[in-house]
Amino acid sequence: MRHTLLVLALVPALMLPLAAVAHGFSDTDKINGAVRVEAGQQAGDVSTVNGGVHIGDGAVIQKASTVNGVVDLGDKVQAREIDTVNGAITVGSSSHVSGTIEAVNGAIHLGKNADVTGKTSNVNGVISLDGAHVGGGLETVSGDILVGANSRVEGGILVDKPGGMFNFNSNNRKPRVVIGPHTVVQGTLEFRREVVLQVSSSAQIGQVIGATPISFSGDQP
């Protein structure tokens, strides 16, 4: 009986790698070239150097990453994690990222109804939300943050001061942070360097540290 119970207990664990193979979650690594996952397809970790990563509509992947290239997710894509160095990230409408999105020297755009469970962050470049949701907060050093109308952010906003390896980004330009109409930003909005903070009169925000909000009405400042 004890041997029977042991076998039964091991069956689910043994089935996990078989399930991964059955679902086609194979990894793709490339150097000097673009990588593409076609619409509706499934993949594991998809990465390249000196090339872009393009994920078609409705695809399911684990991770998309690149150095010196863009990461472009279509509509209704499911992913665990997205990151790039020296490239922009675009997340299509109604796509879901269960982990984090991170860019160094690149803009990040989240389309309408896009949903990110973790943090969305970069060092340089605009972070923009178009009616999107971010559950783990927004963070940048020298980039602008544009939280578009009807977006929702939990975990607050942090604009950090340049330091260490990011000293080369230090300049006199103030990052611009815009909280658009009918948006909700829960958590602390903390600014460790001078910024221009513009907040819609119809937005709801948490505690602000290090900046004075400038109120505006209408669609944009």
N, C-alpha and C. Protein backbone atom coordinates (compact mmCIF):
# COMPACT_ATOMS: atom_id res chain seq x y z
N MET A 1 0.83 -1.22 0.00
CA MET A 1 0.00 0.00 0.00
C MET A 1 0.86 1.26 0.00
N ARG A 2 1.96 1.22 0.79
CA ARG A 2 2.83 2.40 0.86
C ARG A 2 3.46 2.68 -0.50
N HIS A 3 3.86 1.62 -1.20
CA HIS A 3 4.45 1.80 -2.53
C HIS A 3 3.43 2.35 -3.51
N THR A 4 2.17 1.91 -3.38
CA THR A 4 1.11 2.40 -4.26
C THR A 4 0.87 3.89 -4.04
N LEU A 5 0.84 4.31 -2.78
CA LEU A 5 0.63 5.72 -2.46
C LEU A 5 1.77 6.58 -2.98
N LEU A 6 3.02 6.02 -2.88
CA LEU A 6 4.17 6.78 -3.37
C LEU A 6 4.08 7.00 -4.88
N VAL A 7 3.71 5.96 -5.61
CA VAL A 7 3.57 6.07 -7.05
C VAL A 7 2.50 7.09 -7.41
N LEU A 8 1.37 7.03 -6.70
CA LEU A 8 0.28 7.98 -6.98
C LEU A 8 0.71 9.40 -6.70
N ALA A 9 1.53 9.58 -5.66
CA ALA A 9 1.99 10.92 -5.32
C ALA A 9 2.96 11.47 -6.37
N LEU A 10 3.76 10.57 -6.99
CA LEU A 10 4.73 11.01 -7.98
C LEU A 10 4.13 11.30 -9.35
N VAL A 11 2.98 10.74 -9.65
CA VAL A 11 2.38 10.90 -10.98
C VAL A 11 2.20 12.35 -11.38
N PRO A 12 1.58 13.24 -10.52
CA PRO A 12 1.41 14.64 -10.95
C PRO A 12 2.74 15.32 -11.24
N ALA A 13 3.78 15.06 -10.42
CA ALA A 13 5.07 15.69 -10.64
C ALA A 13 5.69 15.24 -11.95
N LEU A 14 5.57 13.94 -12.27
CA LEU A 14 6.12 13.42 -13.51
C LEU A 14 5.39 13.96 -14.73
N MET A 15 4.12 14.30 -14.55
CA MET A 15 3.33 14.79 -15.67
C MET A 15 3.64 16.23 -16.03
N LEU A 16 4.24 17.02 -15.10
CA LEU A 16 4.48 18.43 -15.36
C LEU A 16 5.39 18.67 -16.55
N PRO A 17 6.57 18.04 -16.63
CA PRO A 17 7.38 18.28 -17.82
C PRO A 17 6.74 17.78 -19.10
N LEU A 18 5.99 16.67 -19.02
CA LEU A 18 5.29 16.18 -20.19
C LEU A 18 4.25 17.17 -20.66
N ALA A 19 3.56 17.81 -19.69
CA ALA A 19 2.55 18.81 -20.05
C ALA A 19 3.20 20.00 -20.73
N ALA A 20 4.40 20.39 -20.22
CA ALA A 20 5.09 21.53 -20.83
C ALA A 20 5.45 21.23 -22.27
N VAL A 21 5.93 19.99 -22.52
CA VAL A 21 6.27 19.60 -23.89
C VAL A 21 5.03 19.57 -24.76
N ALA A 22 3.93 19.00 -24.19
CA ALA A 22 2.70 18.89 -24.96
C ALA A 22 2.17 20.25 -25.37
N HIS A 23 2.39 21.28 -24.51
CA HIS A 23 1.89 22.62 -24.82
C HIS A 23 2.85 23.39 -25.71
N GLY A 24 4.00 22.80 -26.06
CA GLY A 24 4.90 23.45 -27.00
C GLY A 24 5.68 24.61 -26.43
N PHE A 25 5.94 24.63 -25.11
CA PHE A 25 6.67 25.73 -24.51
C PHE A 25 8.17 25.53 -24.69
N SER A 26 8.66 25.63 -25.92
CA SER A 26 10.08 25.50 -26.20
C SER A 26 10.74 26.88 -26.22
N ASP A 27 12.01 26.95 -25.78
CA ASP A 27 12.73 28.22 -25.73
C ASP A 27 13.34 28.54 -27.10
N THR A 28 13.50 29.84 -27.36
CA THR A 28 14.13 30.30 -28.59
C THR A 28 15.16 31.36 -28.25
N ASP A 29 16.44 31.11 -28.60
CA ASP A 29 17.53 32.07 -28.39
C ASP A 29 18.19 32.36 -29.74
N LYS A 30 18.52 33.64 -29.96
CA LYS A 30 19.11 34.01 -31.24
C LYS A 30 20.06 35.18 -31.05
N ILE A 31 21.05 35.28 -31.92
CA ILE A 31 21.98 36.41 -31.94
C ILE A 31 21.95 37.03 -33.33
N ASN A 32 21.89 38.37 -33.36
CA ASN A 32 21.88 39.11 -34.63
C ASN A 32 20.69 38.74 -35.51
N GLY A 33 19.53 39.00 -34.99
CA GLY A 33 18.34 38.76 -35.79
C GLY A 33 17.08 38.81 -34.96
N ALA A 34 15.97 39.03 -35.63
CA ALA A 34 14.68 39.12 -34.96
C ALA A 34 14.14 37.72 -34.66
N VAL A 35 13.29 37.66 -33.64
CA VAL A 35 12.60 36.43 -33.28
C VAL A 35 11.10 36.71 -33.32
N ARG A 36 10.35 35.78 -33.87
CA ARG A 36 8.91 35.98 -34.00
C ARG A 36 8.15 34.76 -33.52
N VAL A 37 7.09 35.02 -32.74
CA VAL A 37 6.13 33.98 -32.38
C VAL A 37 4.82 34.34 -33.07
N GLU A 38 4.36 33.47 -33.91
CA GLU A 38 3.19 33.78 -34.72
C GLU A 38 1.91 33.83 -33.87
N ALA A 39 0.90 34.48 -34.42
CA ALA A 39 -0.38 34.63 -33.72
C ALA A 39 -0.94 33.28 -33.30
N GLY A 40 -1.38 33.22 -32.04
CA GLY A 40 -2.02 32.02 -31.53
C GLY A 40 -1.07 30.90 -31.14
N GLN A 41 0.23 31.10 -31.34
CA GLN A 41 1.20 30.06 -31.01
C GLN A 41 1.62 30.13 -29.55
N GLN A 42 2.32 29.09 -29.08
CA GLN A 42 2.82 29.02 -27.71
C GLN A 42 4.33 28.85 -27.73
N ALA A 43 5.01 29.46 -26.75
CA ALA A 43 6.46 29.36 -26.67
C ALA A 43 6.91 29.55 -25.23
N GLY A 44 8.15 29.17 -24.95
CA GLY A 44 8.73 29.37 -23.63
C GLY A 44 9.41 30.72 -23.55
N ASP A 45 10.73 30.72 -23.24
CA ASP A 45 11.49 31.96 -23.20
C ASP A 45 11.96 32.31 -24.61
N VAL A 46 11.68 33.53 -25.03
CA VAL A 46 12.03 33.98 -26.38
C VAL A 46 12.99 35.15 -26.24
N SER A 47 14.23 35.00 -26.76
CA SER A 47 15.21 36.06 -26.55
C SER A 47 16.13 36.19 -27.76
N THR A 48 16.73 37.38 -27.89
CA THR A 48 17.69 37.63 -28.96
C THR A 48 18.62 38.76 -28.55
N VAL A 49 19.73 38.88 -29.26
CA VAL A 49 20.68 39.98 -29.11
C VAL A 49 20.82 40.65 -30.46
N ASN A 50 20.74 41.98 -30.47
CA ASN A 50 20.79 42.74 -31.73
C ASN A 50 19.64 42.36 -32.66
N GLY A 51 18.44 42.38 -32.10
CA GLY A 51 17.25 42.08 -32.89
C GLY A 51 16.01 42.27 -32.05
N GLY A 52 14.87 42.32 -32.71
CA GLY A 52 13.61 42.51 -32.01
C GLY A 52 12.92 41.20 -31.71
N VAL A 53 11.98 41.27 -30.77
CA VAL A 53 11.12 40.13 -30.43
C VAL A 53 9.69 40.54 -30.74
N HIS A 54 9.04 39.79 -31.61
CA HIS A 54 7.69 40.13 -32.05
C HIS A 54 6.75 38.97 -31.71
N ILE A 55 5.74 39.26 -30.92
CA ILE A 55 4.79 38.24 -30.46
C ILE A 55 3.42 38.54 -31.07
N GLY A 56 2.90 37.60 -31.84
CA GLY A 56 1.64 37.81 -32.53
C GLY A 56 0.43 37.79 -31.61
N ASP A 57 -0.70 38.26 -32.14
CA ASP A 57 -1.95 38.33 -31.38
C ASP A 57 -2.32 36.95 -30.81
N GLY A 58 -2.73 36.95 -29.55
CA GLY A 58 -3.25 35.73 -28.94
C GLY A 58 -2.21 34.68 -28.60
N ALA A 59 -0.92 34.99 -28.77
CA ALA A 59 0.13 34.02 -28.45
C ALA A 59 0.30 33.91 -26.94
N VAL A 60 0.89 32.80 -26.51
CA VAL A 60 1.19 32.56 -25.10
C VAL A 60 2.68 32.26 -24.98
N ILE A 61 3.39 33.05 -24.18
CA ILE A 61 4.83 32.85 -23.99
C ILE A 61 5.17 32.94 -22.51
N GLN A 62 6.39 32.51 -22.18
CA GLN A 62 6.86 32.66 -20.81
C GLN A 62 7.57 34.01 -20.63
N LYS A 63 8.64 34.23 -21.38
CA LYS A 63 9.42 35.46 -21.23
C LYS A 63 9.88 35.94 -22.59
N ALA A 64 9.88 37.26 -22.78
CA ALA A 64 10.42 37.87 -23.99
C ALA A 64 11.50 38.86 -23.58
N SER A 65 12.71 38.72 -24.15
CA SER A 65 13.80 39.62 -23.78
C SER A 65 14.73 39.84 -24.95
N THR A 66 15.38 41.01 -24.98
CA THR A 66 16.34 41.32 -26.03
C THR A 66 17.32 42.36 -25.55
N VAL A 67 18.47 42.41 -26.22
CA VAL A 67 19.46 43.48 -26.05
C VAL A 67 19.61 44.15 -27.40
N ASN A 68 19.47 45.47 -27.41
CA ASN A 68 19.54 46.24 -28.66
C ASN A 68 18.42 45.86 -29.62
N GLY A 69 17.21 45.96 -29.13
CA GLY A 69 16.06 45.67 -29.98
C GLY A 69 14.76 45.92 -29.24
N VAL A 70 13.68 45.95 -29.98
CA VAL A 70 12.36 46.20 -29.39
C VAL A 70 11.71 44.87 -29.02
N VAL A 71 10.75 44.96 -28.09
CA VAL A 71 9.85 43.85 -27.79
C VAL A 71 8.44 44.32 -28.08
N ASP A 72 7.78 43.63 -28.98
CA ASP A 72 6.46 44.05 -29.44
C ASP A 72 5.47 42.92 -29.22
N LEU A 73 4.53 43.12 -28.29
CA LEU A 73 3.48 42.14 -28.03
C LEU A 73 2.20 42.59 -28.72
N GLY A 74 1.56 41.69 -29.44
CA GLY A 74 0.29 42.01 -30.08
C GLY A 74 -0.84 42.07 -29.08
N ASP A 75 -2.06 41.99 -29.59
CA ASP A 75 -3.24 42.04 -28.73
C ASP A 75 -3.51 40.66 -28.12
N LYS A 76 -4.03 40.66 -26.90
CA LYS A 76 -4.47 39.45 -26.20
C LYS A 76 -3.35 38.41 -26.07
N VAL A 77 -2.15 38.90 -25.86
CA VAL A 77 -1.00 38.02 -25.60
C VAL A 77 -0.91 37.74 -24.11
N GLN A 78 -0.46 36.54 -23.75
CA GLN A 78 -0.20 36.19 -22.36
C GLN A 78 1.29 35.93 -22.20
N ALA A 79 1.91 36.60 -21.23
CA ALA A 79 3.34 36.45 -20.99
C ALA A 79 3.61 36.53 -19.49
N ARG A 80 4.76 36.00 -19.09
CA ARG A 80 5.15 36.05 -17.68
C ARG A 80 6.04 37.25 -17.39
N GLU A 81 6.97 37.56 -18.29
CA GLU A 81 7.95 38.61 -18.01
C GLU A 81 8.47 39.18 -19.31
N ILE A 82 8.72 40.52 -19.32
CA ILE A 82 9.23 41.19 -20.50
C ILE A 82 10.39 42.09 -20.08
N ASP A 83 11.51 42.03 -20.81
CA ASP A 83 12.59 42.98 -20.52
C ASP A 83 13.44 43.23 -21.76
N THR A 84 14.06 44.41 -21.79
CA THR A 84 14.95 44.77 -22.89
C THR A 84 15.98 45.78 -22.41
N VAL A 85 17.13 45.78 -23.08
CA VAL A 85 18.16 46.79 -22.87
C VAL A 85 18.35 47.51 -24.21
N ASN A 86 18.24 48.83 -24.20
CA ASN A 86 18.37 49.62 -25.43
C ASN A 86 17.28 49.26 -26.44
N GLY A 87 16.06 49.37 -26.01
CA GLY A 87 14.94 49.12 -26.91
C GLY A 87 13.62 49.38 -26.23
N ALA A 88 12.61 49.63 -27.03
CA ALA A 88 11.27 49.92 -26.50
C ALA A 88 10.46 48.65 -26.32
N ILE A 89 9.43 48.75 -25.47
CA ILE A 89 8.50 47.65 -25.23
C ILE A 89 7.09 48.16 -25.51
N THR A 90 6.36 47.40 -26.32
CA THR A 90 4.95 47.72 -26.60
C THR A 90 4.10 46.52 -26.24
N VAL A 91 3.07 46.75 -25.44
CA VAL A 91 2.14 45.68 -25.05
C VAL A 91 0.77 46.01 -25.63
N GLY A 92 0.25 45.13 -26.47
CA GLY A 92 -1.00 45.39 -27.16
C GLY A 92 -2.22 45.34 -26.24
N SER A 93 -3.34 45.71 -26.81
CA SER A 93 -4.58 45.80 -26.03
C SER A 93 -5.00 44.43 -25.50
N SER A 94 -5.51 44.43 -24.28
CA SER A 94 -6.04 43.24 -23.61
C SER A 94 -4.99 42.14 -23.42
N SER A 95 -3.72 42.49 -23.49
CA SER A 95 -2.67 41.52 -23.20
C SER A 95 -2.42 41.47 -21.70
N HIS A 96 -1.88 40.34 -21.23
CA HIS A 96 -1.66 40.16 -19.80
C HIS A 96 -0.23 39.70 -19.55
N VAL A 97 0.48 40.44 -18.66
CA VAL A 97 1.82 40.06 -18.23
C VAL A 97 1.74 39.76 -16.73
N SER A 98 1.97 38.52 -16.36
CA SER A 98 1.77 38.12 -14.96
C SER A 98 2.90 38.53 -14.04
N GLY A 99 4.07 38.89 -14.61
CA GLY A 99 5.20 39.32 -13.81
C GLY A 99 5.53 40.77 -14.03
N THR A 100 6.81 41.06 -14.34
CA THR A 100 7.28 42.43 -14.47
C THR A 100 7.61 42.79 -15.91
N ILE A 101 7.66 44.11 -16.15
CA ILE A 101 8.14 44.66 -17.41
C ILE A 101 9.27 45.62 -17.07
N GLU A 102 10.42 45.45 -17.73
CA GLU A 102 11.57 46.29 -17.42
C GLU A 102 12.33 46.65 -18.69
N ALA A 103 12.66 47.93 -18.83
CA ALA A 103 13.45 48.40 -19.96
C ALA A 103 14.56 49.31 -19.44
N VAL A 104 15.72 49.22 -20.07
CA VAL A 104 16.80 50.17 -19.82
C VAL A 104 17.01 50.94 -21.12
N ASN A 105 16.92 52.25 -21.03
CA ASN A 105 17.04 53.08 -22.23
C ASN A 105 15.99 52.72 -23.27
N GLY A 106 14.74 52.72 -22.87
CA GLY A 106 13.67 52.42 -23.82
C GLY A 106 12.31 52.79 -23.27
N ALA A 107 11.43 53.19 -24.16
CA ALA A 107 10.06 53.53 -23.78
C ALA A 107 9.24 52.27 -23.56
N ILE A 108 8.18 52.41 -22.77
CA ILE A 108 7.24 51.32 -22.52
C ILE A 108 5.83 51.86 -22.76
N HIS A 109 5.08 51.16 -23.62
CA HIS A 109 3.70 51.56 -23.88
C HIS A 109 2.76 50.39 -23.62
N LEU A 110 1.75 50.63 -22.79
CA LEU A 110 0.74 49.62 -22.49
C LEU A 110 -0.57 50.04 -23.14
N GLY A 111 -1.09 49.18 -24.03
CA GLY A 111 -2.30 49.49 -24.77
C GLY A 111 -3.56 49.38 -23.93
N LYS A 112 -4.66 49.67 -24.55
CA LYS A 112 -5.94 49.70 -23.86
C LYS A 112 -6.27 48.33 -23.26
N ASN A 113 -6.63 48.36 -21.99
CA ASN A 113 -7.00 47.17 -21.22
C ASN A 113 -5.84 46.18 -21.02
N ALA A 114 -4.62 46.59 -21.33
CA ALA A 114 -3.46 45.75 -21.00
C ALA A 114 -3.36 45.63 -19.48
N ASP A 115 -2.88 44.48 -19.01
CA ASP A 115 -2.85 44.20 -17.58
C ASP A 115 -1.48 43.65 -17.20
N VAL A 116 -0.79 44.34 -16.28
CA VAL A 116 0.52 43.90 -15.80
C VAL A 116 0.41 43.68 -14.30
N THR A 117 0.65 42.47 -13.85
CA THR A 117 0.51 42.16 -12.43
C THR A 117 1.65 42.76 -11.62
N GLY A 118 2.86 42.70 -12.15
CA GLY A 118 4.04 43.18 -11.42
C GLY A 118 4.37 44.63 -11.71
N LYS A 119 5.63 44.99 -11.42
CA LYS A 119 6.10 46.35 -11.61
C LYS A 119 6.45 46.61 -13.07
N THR A 120 6.26 47.86 -13.49
CA THR A 120 6.67 48.31 -14.82
C THR A 120 7.69 49.42 -14.62
N SER A 121 8.92 49.24 -15.14
CA SER A 121 9.98 50.20 -14.84
C SER A 121 10.95 50.36 -16.00
N ASN A 122 11.59 51.53 -16.02
CA ASN A 122 12.70 51.77 -16.94
C ASN A 122 13.65 52.79 -16.32
N VAL A 123 14.71 53.11 -17.06
CA VAL A 123 15.65 54.15 -16.63
C VAL A 123 15.42 55.41 -17.44
N ASN A 124 15.41 55.27 -18.76
CA ASN A 124 15.11 56.37 -19.67
C ASN A 124 13.96 56.00 -20.58
N GLY A 125 13.23 57.00 -21.05
CA GLY A 125 12.14 56.74 -21.98
C GLY A 125 10.79 56.90 -21.32
N VAL A 126 9.79 57.18 -22.12
CA VAL A 126 8.44 57.42 -21.62
C VAL A 126 7.77 56.10 -21.24
N ILE A 127 7.13 56.08 -20.08
CA ILE A 127 6.22 55.00 -19.71
C ILE A 127 4.81 55.54 -19.90
N SER A 128 4.04 54.93 -20.80
CA SER A 128 2.70 55.44 -21.07
C SER A 128 1.67 54.33 -20.96
N LEU A 129 0.54 54.67 -20.33
CA LEU A 129 -0.57 53.74 -20.16
C LEU A 129 -1.79 54.31 -20.87
N ASP A 130 -2.42 53.49 -21.69
CA ASP A 130 -3.61 53.90 -22.41
C ASP A 130 -4.79 53.08 -21.90
N GLY A 131 -5.38 53.52 -20.79
CA GLY A 131 -6.47 52.76 -20.20
C GLY A 131 -6.03 51.39 -19.73
N ALA A 132 -4.80 51.29 -19.23
CA ALA A 132 -4.21 50.02 -18.82
C ALA A 132 -4.16 49.90 -17.31
N HIS A 133 -3.78 48.70 -16.84
CA HIS A 133 -3.67 48.43 -15.40
C HIS A 133 -2.29 47.89 -15.08
N VAL A 134 -1.68 48.43 -14.01
CA VAL A 134 -0.41 47.93 -13.51
C VAL A 134 -0.57 47.69 -12.01
N GLY A 135 -0.28 46.46 -11.58
CA GLY A 135 -0.50 46.10 -10.18
C GLY A 135 0.68 46.32 -9.26
N GLY A 136 1.90 46.45 -9.84
CA GLY A 136 3.09 46.53 -9.00
C GLY A 136 3.80 47.87 -9.00
N GLY A 137 3.15 48.90 -9.48
CA GLY A 137 3.73 50.23 -9.46
C GLY A 137 4.53 50.56 -10.70
N LEU A 138 4.82 51.86 -10.85
CA LEU A 138 5.61 52.39 -11.96
C LEU A 138 6.89 53.01 -11.40
N GLU A 139 8.01 52.80 -12.12
CA GLU A 139 9.28 53.33 -11.63
C GLU A 139 10.16 53.76 -12.79
N THR A 140 10.81 54.92 -12.65
CA THR A 140 11.76 55.40 -13.64
C THR A 140 12.81 56.24 -12.95
N VAL A 141 13.84 56.61 -13.71
CA VAL A 141 14.88 57.51 -13.22
C VAL A 141 14.82 58.83 -13.98
N SER A 142 14.92 58.77 -15.28
CA SER A 142 14.95 59.99 -16.09
C SER A 142 13.83 60.08 -17.11
N GLY A 143 12.94 59.11 -17.12
CA GLY A 143 11.87 59.10 -18.11
C GLY A 143 10.61 59.82 -17.65
N ASP A 144 9.75 60.13 -18.61
CA ASP A 144 8.43 60.67 -18.30
C ASP A 144 7.46 59.52 -18.02
N ILE A 145 6.41 59.82 -17.26
CA ILE A 145 5.35 58.86 -16.99
C ILE A 145 4.02 59.49 -17.36
N LEU A 146 3.30 58.85 -18.27
CA LEU A 146 2.01 59.35 -18.72
C LEU A 146 0.96 58.28 -18.41
N VAL A 147 0.19 58.51 -17.35
CA VAL A 147 -0.87 57.57 -16.97
C VAL A 147 -2.15 58.07 -17.63
N GLY A 148 -2.50 57.44 -18.75
CA GLY A 148 -3.60 57.91 -19.57
C GLY A 148 -4.96 57.70 -18.94
N ALA A 149 -5.96 58.30 -19.55
CA ALA A 149 -7.33 58.28 -19.02
C ALA A 149 -7.80 56.86 -18.74
N ASN A 150 -8.49 56.72 -17.61
CA ASN A 150 -9.12 55.46 -17.19
C ASN A 150 -8.12 54.35 -16.87
N SER A 151 -6.87 54.70 -16.65
CA SER A 151 -5.88 53.71 -16.23
C SER A 151 -5.94 53.53 -14.72
N ARG A 152 -5.34 52.42 -14.26
CA ARG A 152 -5.31 52.14 -12.82
C ARG A 152 -3.93 51.59 -12.46
N VAL A 153 -3.35 52.15 -11.41
CA VAL A 153 -2.04 51.72 -10.95
C VAL A 153 -2.10 51.44 -9.45
N GLU A 154 -1.67 50.24 -9.08
CA GLU A 154 -1.48 49.94 -7.66
C GLU A 154 0.02 49.85 -7.42
N GLY A 155 0.44 50.18 -6.21
CA GLY A 155 1.86 50.12 -5.90
C GLY A 155 2.57 51.45 -6.06
N GLY A 156 1.83 52.49 -6.41
CA GLY A 156 2.39 53.83 -6.45
C GLY A 156 3.31 54.10 -7.63
N ILE A 157 4.00 55.24 -7.54
CA ILE A 157 4.93 55.69 -8.57
C ILE A 157 6.21 56.14 -7.88
N LEU A 158 7.36 55.75 -8.44
CA LEU A 158 8.65 56.19 -7.92
C LEU A 158 9.48 56.76 -9.07
N VAL A 159 9.94 58.00 -8.91
CA VAL A 159 10.96 58.56 -9.80
C VAL A 159 12.22 58.70 -8.97
N ASP A 160 13.19 57.84 -9.24
CA ASP A 160 14.40 57.78 -8.43
C ASP A 160 15.42 58.78 -8.95
N LYS A 161 16.40 59.11 -8.12
CA LYS A 161 17.46 60.02 -8.54
C LYS A 161 18.57 59.22 -9.21
N PRO A 162 19.22 59.83 -10.22
CA PRO A 162 20.33 59.14 -10.88
C PRO A 162 21.45 58.86 -9.88
N GLY A 163 22.10 57.73 -10.04
CA GLY A 163 23.20 57.38 -9.16
C GLY A 163 23.89 56.13 -9.65
N GLY A 164 25.11 55.92 -9.23
CA GLY A 164 25.84 54.73 -9.61
C GLY A 164 26.01 54.66 -11.11
N MET A 165 25.63 53.55 -11.69
CA MET A 165 25.81 53.33 -13.12
C MET A 165 24.93 54.24 -13.97
N PHE A 166 23.94 54.92 -13.32
CA PHE A 166 23.03 55.77 -14.07
C PHE A 166 23.39 57.25 -13.97
N ASN A 167 24.59 57.58 -13.48
CA ASN A 167 25.00 58.97 -13.39
C ASN A 167 25.04 59.65 -14.75
N PHE A 168 25.31 58.87 -15.81
CA PHE A 168 25.38 59.46 -17.15
C PHE A 168 24.04 60.02 -17.59
N ASN A 169 22.95 59.64 -16.90
CA ASN A 169 21.64 60.14 -17.27
C ASN A 169 21.29 61.47 -16.60
N SER A 170 22.18 61.89 -15.70
CA SER A 170 21.87 63.08 -14.92
C SER A 170 21.93 64.32 -15.81
N ASN A 171 20.87 65.11 -15.79
CA ASN A 171 20.85 66.38 -16.50
C ASN A 171 19.85 67.29 -15.82
N ASN A 172 19.70 68.49 -16.34
CA ASN A 172 18.84 69.47 -15.69
C ASN A 172 17.37 69.32 -16.07
N ARG A 173 17.07 68.45 -17.00
CA ARG A 173 15.68 68.27 -17.42
C ARG A 173 14.88 67.58 -16.33
N LYS A 174 13.71 68.14 -16.04
CA LYS A 174 12.82 67.53 -15.05
C LYS A 174 11.91 66.50 -15.71
N PRO A 175 11.87 65.29 -15.22
CA PRO A 175 10.89 64.33 -15.75
C PRO A 175 9.47 64.85 -15.57
N ARG A 176 8.61 64.52 -16.50
CA ARG A 176 7.21 64.96 -16.46
C ARG A 176 6.32 63.77 -16.13
N VAL A 177 5.48 63.94 -15.14
CA VAL A 177 4.55 62.89 -14.72
C VAL A 177 3.13 63.43 -14.84
N VAL A 178 2.33 62.77 -15.68
CA VAL A 178 0.95 63.21 -15.92
C VAL A 178 0.00 62.11 -15.49
N ILE A 179 -0.92 62.45 -14.61
CA ILE A 179 -1.96 61.52 -14.15
C ILE A 179 -3.27 61.97 -14.79
N GLY A 180 -3.75 61.21 -15.76
CA GLY A 180 -4.84 61.65 -16.61
C GLY A 180 -6.23 61.53 -15.98
N PRO A 181 -7.25 61.91 -16.76
CA PRO A 181 -8.63 61.92 -16.26
C PRO A 181 -9.12 60.53 -15.86
N HIS A 182 -9.84 60.49 -14.76
CA HIS A 182 -10.52 59.28 -14.30
C HIS A 182 -9.55 58.12 -14.05
N THR A 183 -8.33 58.46 -13.71
CA THR A 183 -7.35 57.43 -13.36
C THR A 183 -7.32 57.24 -11.84
N VAL A 184 -6.80 56.09 -11.42
CA VAL A 184 -6.62 55.80 -10.00
C VAL A 184 -5.18 55.34 -9.80
N VAL A 185 -4.46 56.02 -8.93
CA VAL A 185 -3.11 55.60 -8.56
C VAL A 185 -3.09 55.37 -7.05
N GLN A 186 -3.06 54.11 -6.66
CA GLN A 186 -3.03 53.75 -5.25
C GLN A 186 -1.59 53.58 -4.79
N GLY A 187 -1.33 53.95 -3.55
CA GLY A 187 0.03 53.89 -3.03
C GLY A 187 0.69 55.25 -3.09
N THR A 188 1.94 55.30 -2.66
CA THR A 188 2.67 56.56 -2.56
C THR A 188 3.27 56.96 -3.90
N LEU A 189 3.16 58.24 -4.22
CA LEU A 189 3.84 58.83 -5.37
C LEU A 189 5.07 59.53 -4.83
N GLU A 190 6.25 58.90 -5.00
CA GLU A 190 7.48 59.41 -4.39
C GLU A 190 8.44 59.89 -5.47
N PHE A 191 8.97 61.11 -5.25
CA PHE A 191 9.85 61.72 -6.24
C PHE A 191 11.15 62.12 -5.55
N ARG A 192 12.23 61.42 -5.91
CA ARG A 192 13.52 61.65 -5.27
C ARG A 192 14.37 62.62 -6.07
N ARG A 193 13.80 63.20 -7.09
CA ARG A 193 14.41 64.27 -7.85
C ARG A 193 13.30 65.22 -8.28
N GLU A 194 13.67 66.40 -8.77
CA GLU A 194 12.66 67.37 -9.18
C GLU A 194 11.90 66.88 -10.40
N VAL A 195 10.58 66.99 -10.35
CA VAL A 195 9.74 66.60 -11.47
C VAL A 195 8.65 67.64 -11.68
N VAL A 196 7.98 67.55 -12.82
CA VAL A 196 6.75 68.30 -13.05
C VAL A 196 5.61 67.30 -12.92
N LEU A 197 4.77 67.46 -11.91
CA LEU A 197 3.67 66.54 -11.63
C LEU A 197 2.34 67.22 -11.95
N GLN A 198 1.63 66.71 -12.94
CA GLN A 198 0.35 67.26 -13.36
C GLN A 198 -0.73 66.20 -13.17
N VAL A 199 -1.76 66.57 -12.42
CA VAL A 199 -2.79 65.61 -12.01
C VAL A 199 -4.17 66.12 -12.42
N SER A 200 -4.92 65.28 -13.12
CA SER A 200 -6.27 65.65 -13.50
C SER A 200 -7.16 65.85 -12.27
N SER A 201 -8.07 66.79 -12.37
CA SER A 201 -8.99 67.05 -11.26
C SER A 201 -9.94 65.88 -11.01
N SER A 202 -10.06 64.97 -11.98
CA SER A 202 -10.94 63.82 -11.80
C SER A 202 -10.17 62.55 -11.41
N ALA A 203 -8.86 62.66 -11.22
CA ALA A 203 -8.04 61.49 -10.86
C ALA A 203 -8.04 61.30 -9.34
N GLN A 204 -7.77 60.06 -8.93
CA GLN A 204 -7.60 59.73 -7.52
C GLN A 204 -6.18 59.24 -7.31
N ILE A 205 -5.44 59.88 -6.41
CA ILE A 205 -4.06 59.49 -6.17
C ILE A 205 -3.79 59.34 -4.67
N GLY A 206 -2.69 58.65 -4.36
CA GLY A 206 -2.29 58.47 -2.98
C GLY A 206 -1.43 59.62 -2.49
N GLN A 207 -0.69 59.38 -1.41
CA GLN A 207 0.18 60.40 -0.82
C GLN A 207 1.29 60.78 -1.79
N VAL A 208 1.60 62.08 -1.85
CA VAL A 208 2.66 62.57 -2.72
C VAL A 208 3.83 63.04 -1.86
N ILE A 209 5.03 62.54 -2.17
CA ILE A 209 6.24 62.91 -1.46
C ILE A 209 7.25 63.47 -2.46
N GLY A 210 7.72 64.68 -2.23
CA GLY A 210 8.80 65.24 -3.04
C GLY A 210 8.36 66.06 -4.23
N ALA A 211 7.07 66.33 -4.37
CA ALA A 211 6.59 67.15 -5.49
C ALA A 211 5.28 67.81 -5.10
N THR A 212 4.95 68.88 -5.81
CA THR A 212 3.68 69.57 -5.61
C THR A 212 2.80 69.36 -6.84
N PRO A 213 1.65 68.68 -6.68
CA PRO A 213 0.79 68.42 -7.84
C PRO A 213 0.23 69.71 -8.43
N ILE A 214 0.19 69.76 -9.75
CA ILE A 214 -0.45 70.84 -10.49
C ILE A 214 -1.72 70.29 -11.10
N SER A 215 -2.86 70.81 -10.70
CA SER A 215 -4.14 70.29 -11.17
C SER A 215 -4.47 70.82 -12.55
N PHE A 216 -5.12 69.98 -13.35
CA PHE A 216 -5.61 70.42 -14.66
C PHE A 216 -6.96 69.79 -14.93
N SER A 217 -7.74 70.40 -15.81
CA SER A 217 -9.02 69.85 -16.24
C SER A 217 -8.96 69.58 -17.74
N GLY A 218 -9.91 68.83 -18.22
CA GLY A 218 -9.89 68.47 -19.63
C GLY A 218 -9.14 67.17 -19.88
N ASP A 219 -8.94 66.84 -21.15
CA ASP A 219 -8.32 65.57 -21.51
C ASP A 219 -6.85 65.52 -21.17
N GLN A 220 -6.14 66.63 -21.26
CA GLN A 220 -4.71 66.67 -20.99
C GLN A 220 -4.30 68.07 -20.55
N PRO A 221 -3.10 68.17 -19.93
CA PRO A 221 -2.64 69.50 -19.47
C PRO A 221 -2.44 70.46 -20.63
